[in-house]
Amino acid sequence: MDDPVTAVERNMVRLRRGMSRQRLGKAALREHHLPVDLQILHLVDVIDEGPDGPGQEMSVGLVAARLGVDASRGSRIVAEAVKSGYVRRVASQEDGRRIRLELTDEGRGVVEAARVTRHRHIAEALDGWTAEERREFARLLDRFLDGFAG
């Protein structure tokens, strides 16, 4: 058996492949007949996550960083989502010269549909686990991610 760190690393790679936004995103689009493409789905998910901390707002720069794209690509994706009615630009609460992003009702509907699909896939993966095993896994995963995120 591999040492635990190696086993976790290998399993995290498997998890990333299995939980990829591409795979689950396509499933959500298909299952819920969502009229959006994957980049919009990823964008509304990112905006739904909210800012990283107090005093921060959802900006094009933060969205681009989370999506792993440059600022100009992030700006184009945001513009498409605004034009499609899933996101709106509003004046910053901190500084009226800045713009923050928020979801529209349509954008929240897309997020909820994707969440339903992810929830179902996770529930299927946990099928056969006891309630205590599920709670313990959730607790340990939270603890791991808190340490991993730093």
Protein backbone atom coordinates (compact mmCIF):
# COMPACT_ATOMS: atom_id res chain seq x y z
CA MET A 1 0.00 0.00 0.00
CA ASP A 2 1.13 3.53 -0.78
CA ASP A 3 1.91 5.89 2.02
CA PRO A 4 -1.18 7.94 2.98
CA VAL A 5 -0.01 11.20 1.37
CA THR A 6 0.60 9.45 -1.95
CA ALA A 7 -2.76 7.69 -1.71
CA VAL A 8 -4.56 11.00 -1.02
CA GLU A 9 -2.72 12.69 -3.89
CA ARG A 10 -3.67 9.96 -6.35
CA ASN A 11 -7.26 9.92 -5.16
CA MET A 12 -7.49 13.70 -5.43
CA VAL A 13 -6.48 13.43 -9.09
CA ARG A 14 -9.20 10.81 -9.60
CA LEU A 15 -11.69 13.03 -7.78
CA ARG A 16 -10.77 16.04 -9.91
CA ARG A 17 -11.40 14.03 -13.07
CA GLY A 18 -14.67 12.64 -11.74
CA MET A 19 -15.95 15.95 -10.40
CA SER A 20 -14.71 18.13 -13.21
CA ARG A 21 -16.97 21.00 -14.08
CA GLN A 22 -16.77 19.77 -17.65
CA ARG A 23 -18.32 16.37 -16.86
CA LEU A 24 -20.86 17.48 -14.28
CA GLY A 25 -21.52 20.71 -16.14
CA LYS A 26 -22.48 18.83 -19.27
CA ALA A 27 -24.68 16.54 -17.19
CA ALA A 28 -26.45 19.55 -15.63
CA LEU A 29 -26.97 21.20 -19.00
CA ARG A 30 -28.37 17.98 -20.43
CA GLU A 31 -30.54 16.96 -17.46
CA HIS A 32 -32.09 20.39 -16.92
CA HIS A 33 -32.17 21.51 -20.57
CA LEU A 34 -30.26 24.66 -19.63
CA PRO A 35 -29.84 27.11 -22.52
CA VAL A 36 -26.28 28.10 -21.53
CA ASP A 37 -22.84 26.95 -22.52
CA LEU A 38 -20.27 25.56 -20.09
CA GLN A 39 -18.32 28.79 -19.70
CA ILE A 40 -21.46 30.60 -18.51
CA LEU A 41 -22.25 27.70 -16.18
CA HIS A 42 -18.73 27.94 -14.70
CA LEU A 43 -19.05 31.71 -14.39
CA VAL A 44 -22.35 31.66 -12.50
CA ASP A 45 -20.94 28.97 -10.19
CA VAL A 46 -17.94 31.19 -9.43
CA ILE A 47 -20.10 34.23 -8.74
CA ASP A 48 -22.37 32.13 -6.53
CA GLU A 49 -19.34 31.17 -4.39
CA GLY A 50 -19.06 34.81 -3.39
CA PRO A 51 -15.98 36.79 -2.45
CA ASP A 52 -13.01 35.30 -0.61
CA GLY A 53 -13.34 37.47 2.46
CA PRO A 54 -14.93 40.46 4.16
CA GLY A 55 -14.74 43.70 2.22
CA GLN A 56 -14.10 41.92 -1.07
CA GLU A 57 -16.65 42.01 -3.87
CA MET A 58 -17.16 39.83 -6.92
CA SER A 59 -15.24 41.58 -9.68
CA VAL A 60 -14.21 40.61 -13.18
CA GLY A 61 -10.65 40.19 -11.87
CA LEU A 62 -11.69 37.78 -9.12
CA VAL A 63 -13.90 35.83 -11.53
CA ALA A 64 -11.07 35.58 -14.08
CA ALA A 65 -8.65 34.36 -11.40
CA ARG A 66 -11.06 31.66 -10.22
CA LEU A 67 -11.74 30.55 -13.78
CA GLY A 68 -8.02 30.46 -14.50
CA VAL A 69 -8.24 32.87 -17.43
CA ASP A 70 -6.68 36.26 -18.10
CA ALA A 71 -8.60 39.45 -17.33
CA SER A 72 -9.59 40.12 -20.95
CA ARG A 73 -11.03 36.60 -21.36
CA GLY A 74 -12.82 36.94 -18.03
CA SER A 75 -14.28 40.25 -19.16
CA ARG A 76 -15.59 38.69 -22.38
CA ILE A 77 -17.22 35.81 -20.48
CA VAL A 78 -18.83 38.25 -18.04
CA ALA A 79 -20.07 40.41 -20.94
CA GLU A 80 -21.68 37.36 -22.55
CA ALA A 81 -23.35 36.38 -19.26
CA VAL A 82 -24.65 39.93 -18.78
CA LYS A 83 -25.97 40.03 -22.34
CA SER A 84 -27.67 36.64 -21.81
CA GLY A 85 -29.33 37.85 -18.59
CA TYR A 86 -27.56 35.59 -16.05
CA VAL A 87 -25.35 38.24 -14.41
CA ARG A 88 -25.70 41.96 -13.79
CA ARG A 89 -23.13 44.64 -13.13
CA VAL A 90 -23.90 46.94 -10.21
CA ALA A 91 -22.07 49.79 -8.51
CA SER A 92 -19.74 48.69 -5.74
CA GLN A 93 -20.94 49.23 -2.18
CA GLU A 94 -17.37 50.22 -1.26
CA ASP A 95 -16.53 52.52 -4.16
CA GLY A 96 -19.16 53.71 -6.64
CA ARG A 97 -16.51 53.91 -9.38
CA ARG A 98 -16.01 50.15 -9.27
CA ILE A 99 -18.37 47.48 -10.55
CA ARG A 100 -19.33 44.31 -8.77
CA LEU A 101 -21.07 41.30 -10.26
CA GLU A 102 -24.18 39.56 -9.02
CA LEU A 103 -26.44 36.84 -10.29
CA THR A 104 -29.88 37.54 -11.71
CA ASP A 105 -32.80 35.25 -10.92
CA GLU A 106 -32.02 33.39 -14.16
CA GLY A 107 -28.40 32.99 -13.09
CA ARG A 108 -29.45 31.64 -9.68
CA GLY A 109 -31.71 29.15 -11.49
CA VAL A 110 -28.73 27.85 -13.48
CA VAL A 111 -26.67 27.53 -10.28
CA GLU A 112 -29.46 25.64 -8.54
CA ALA A 113 -29.90 23.23 -11.46
CA ALA A 114 -26.16 22.49 -11.48
CA ARG A 115 -26.22 22.03 -7.70
CA VAL A 116 -29.04 19.48 -7.98
CA THR A 117 -27.01 17.49 -10.51
CA ARG A 118 -23.83 17.58 -8.39
CA HIS A 119 -25.78 16.63 -5.27
CA ARG A 120 -27.30 13.64 -7.00
CA HIS A 121 -23.92 12.42 -8.27
CA ILE A 122 -22.38 12.77 -4.81
CA ALA A 123 -25.34 11.03 -3.16
CA GLU A 124 -24.94 8.14 -5.61
CA ALA A 125 -21.23 7.89 -4.75
CA LEU A 126 -22.10 7.76 -1.03
CA ASP A 127 -24.84 5.16 -1.53
CA GLY A 128 -24.33 2.33 0.94
CA TRP A 129 -22.41 4.46 3.43
CA THR A 130 -23.85 4.74 6.92
CA ALA A 131 -24.99 8.12 8.22
CA GLU A 132 -21.99 8.14 10.57
CA GLU A 133 -19.57 7.40 7.71
CA ARG A 134 -21.07 10.26 5.69
CA ARG A 135 -20.75 12.68 8.62
CA GLU A 136 -17.18 11.60 9.30
CA PHE A 137 -16.21 11.91 5.64
CA ALA A 138 -17.72 15.40 5.47
CA ARG A 139 -15.88 16.40 8.66
CA LEU A 140 -12.55 15.06 7.46
CA LEU A 141 -12.95 16.57 3.99
CA ASP A 142 -13.66 19.98 5.56
CA ARG A 143 -10.59 19.60 7.75
CA PHE A 144 -8.44 18.55 4.79
CA LEU A 145 -9.61 21.43 2.61
CA ASP A 146 -9.08 23.96 5.41
CA GLY A 147 -5.47 22.76 5.70
CA PHE A 148 -4.98 22.50 1.95
CA ALA A 149 -6.29 25.97 1.19
CA GLY A 150 -4.01 27.41 3.84
